[in-house]
Amino acid sequence: MIPQIKETLVDKKGWISDNDMLELLAICESTPGPVAINMATYIGYKRKKFFGALLCTFGVVLPSFGIIILVEIYIIYKLIFKKKMNAILLILISVLVGIGVNLIYLI
């Protein structure tokens, strides 16, 4: 993945230099989170400051997030019509609400 990012950012687009790419890679490896998101945020910030960083980060995160949501909706839609699954989901929701209430109480 890193060579493809380098080829695009340095060789094709010319947005950053080789030295900037090395610094970017060092920063992204040392900060928590996926490298692609960290790189997108950094490149967006270098190009268009805050809004560039915001848009680049959303551009990396939203496609996979959207796919996960669509798959989740499909699975829940298929499972919601089964009586046993309704009981399991009700128990799961109750447990999650209980955990949430407990966390709020602890805070």
Protein backbone atom coordinates (compact mmCIF):
# COMPACT_ATOMS: atom_id res chain seq x y z
CA MET A 1 0.00 0.00 0.00
CA ILE A 2 2.82 2.42 0.87
CA PRO A 3 4.49 2.14 -2.58
CA GLN A 4 1.16 2.89 -4.28
CA ILE A 5 0.60 5.92 -2.07
CA LYS A 6 4.14 7.13 -2.78
CA GLU A 7 3.70 6.64 -6.51
CA THR A 8 0.48 8.62 -6.51
CA LEU A 9 1.48 11.44 -4.15
CA VAL A 10 5.12 11.94 -5.18
CA ASP A 11 5.51 10.70 -8.74
CA LYS A 12 2.13 11.29 -10.40
CA LYS A 13 0.54 14.21 -8.52
CA GLY A 14 3.69 15.86 -7.19
CA TRP A 15 1.87 16.99 -4.04
CA ILE A 16 4.81 16.18 -1.76
CA SER A 17 8.54 15.49 -2.17
CA ASP A 18 10.40 12.26 -1.42
CA ASN A 19 11.68 13.75 1.83
CA ASP A 20 8.15 14.77 2.85
CA MET A 21 6.99 11.22 2.08
CA LEU A 22 9.59 9.78 4.44
CA GLU A 23 8.60 12.21 7.18
CA LEU A 24 4.94 11.48 6.55
CA LEU A 25 5.53 7.75 6.83
CA ALA A 26 7.46 8.18 10.08
CA ILE A 27 4.71 10.33 11.57
CA CYS A 28 1.94 8.00 10.42
CA GLU A 29 3.69 4.93 11.79
CA SER A 30 4.23 6.55 15.17
CA THR A 31 0.68 7.83 15.65
CA PRO A 32 -2.23 5.53 16.51
CA GLY A 33 -4.66 4.55 13.80
CA PRO A 34 -4.51 3.21 10.26
CA VAL A 35 -1.72 4.55 8.08
CA ALA A 36 -4.08 5.45 5.22
CA ILE A 37 -6.25 7.64 7.43
CA ASN A 38 -3.25 9.38 8.99
CA MET A 39 -1.70 10.00 5.56
CA ALA A 40 -4.96 11.31 4.13
CA THR A 41 -5.36 13.70 7.06
CA TYR A 42 -1.78 14.95 6.73
CA ILE A 43 -1.95 15.42 2.95
CA GLY A 44 -5.31 17.17 3.23
CA TYR A 45 -3.90 19.50 5.87
CA LYS A 46 -0.80 20.26 3.77
CA ARG A 47 -2.96 21.09 0.75
CA LYS A 48 -5.99 22.93 2.17
CA LYS A 49 -5.48 23.19 5.96
CA PHE A 50 -8.36 22.15 8.27
CA PHE A 51 -11.09 21.57 5.68
CA GLY A 52 -8.71 19.64 3.44
CA ALA A 53 -7.78 17.38 6.33
CA LEU A 54 -11.45 16.90 7.20
CA LEU A 55 -12.50 16.09 3.63
CA CYS A 56 -9.57 13.75 2.99
CA THR A 57 -10.23 11.87 6.21
CA PHE A 58 -13.92 11.49 5.38
CA GLY A 59 -12.96 10.40 1.87
CA VAL A 60 -10.94 7.53 3.27
CA VAL A 61 -13.32 6.52 6.06
CA LEU A 62 -16.79 6.91 4.52
CA PRO A 63 -16.62 4.25 1.75
CA SER A 64 -15.79 1.40 4.12
CA PHE A 65 -18.15 2.78 6.76
CA GLY A 66 -20.95 2.90 4.19
CA ILE A 67 -20.34 -0.69 3.10
CA ILE A 68 -20.36 -1.87 6.72
CA ILE A 69 -23.64 -0.05 7.38
CA LEU A 70 -25.28 -1.51 4.26
CA VAL A 71 -24.22 -5.06 5.16
CA GLU A 72 -25.39 -4.53 8.72
CA ILE A 73 -28.79 -3.26 7.58
CA TYR A 74 -29.16 -6.25 5.26
CA ILE A 75 -28.27 -8.73 8.01
CA ILE A 76 -30.55 -7.11 10.56
CA TYR A 77 -33.39 -6.95 8.01
CA LYS A 78 -32.99 -10.66 7.29
CA LEU A 79 -32.76 -11.59 10.97
CA ILE A 80 -35.54 -9.37 12.30
CA PHE A 81 -38.26 -11.62 10.90
CA LYS A 82 -37.09 -14.69 12.81
CA LYS A 83 -38.65 -15.12 16.26
CA LYS A 84 -35.59 -16.68 17.88
CA MET A 85 -33.39 -13.90 16.55
CA ASN A 86 -35.83 -11.31 17.89
CA ALA A 87 -35.41 -12.80 21.36
CA ILE A 88 -31.62 -12.86 21.03
CA LEU A 89 -31.54 -9.27 19.75
CA LEU A 90 -33.81 -8.15 22.59
CA ILE A 91 -31.44 -9.75 25.13
CA LEU A 92 -28.43 -8.21 23.38
CA ILE A 93 -30.02 -4.76 23.34
CA SER A 94 -30.92 -5.10 27.02
CA VAL A 95 -27.33 -6.04 27.88
CA LEU A 96 -25.94 -3.11 25.86
CA VAL A 97 -28.33 -0.67 27.51
CA GLY A 98 -27.33 -2.05 30.90
CA ILE A 99 -23.65 -1.60 30.10
CA GLY A 100 -24.32 1.96 28.90
CA VAL A 101 -26.26 2.87 32.04
CA ASN A 102 -23.49 1.37 34.18
CA LEU A 103 -20.86 3.41 32.36
CA ILE A 104 -22.86 6.60 32.80
CA TYR A 105 -23.32 5.80 36.48
CA LEU A 106 -19.55 5.21 36.92
CA ILE A 107 -18.69 8.52 35.27
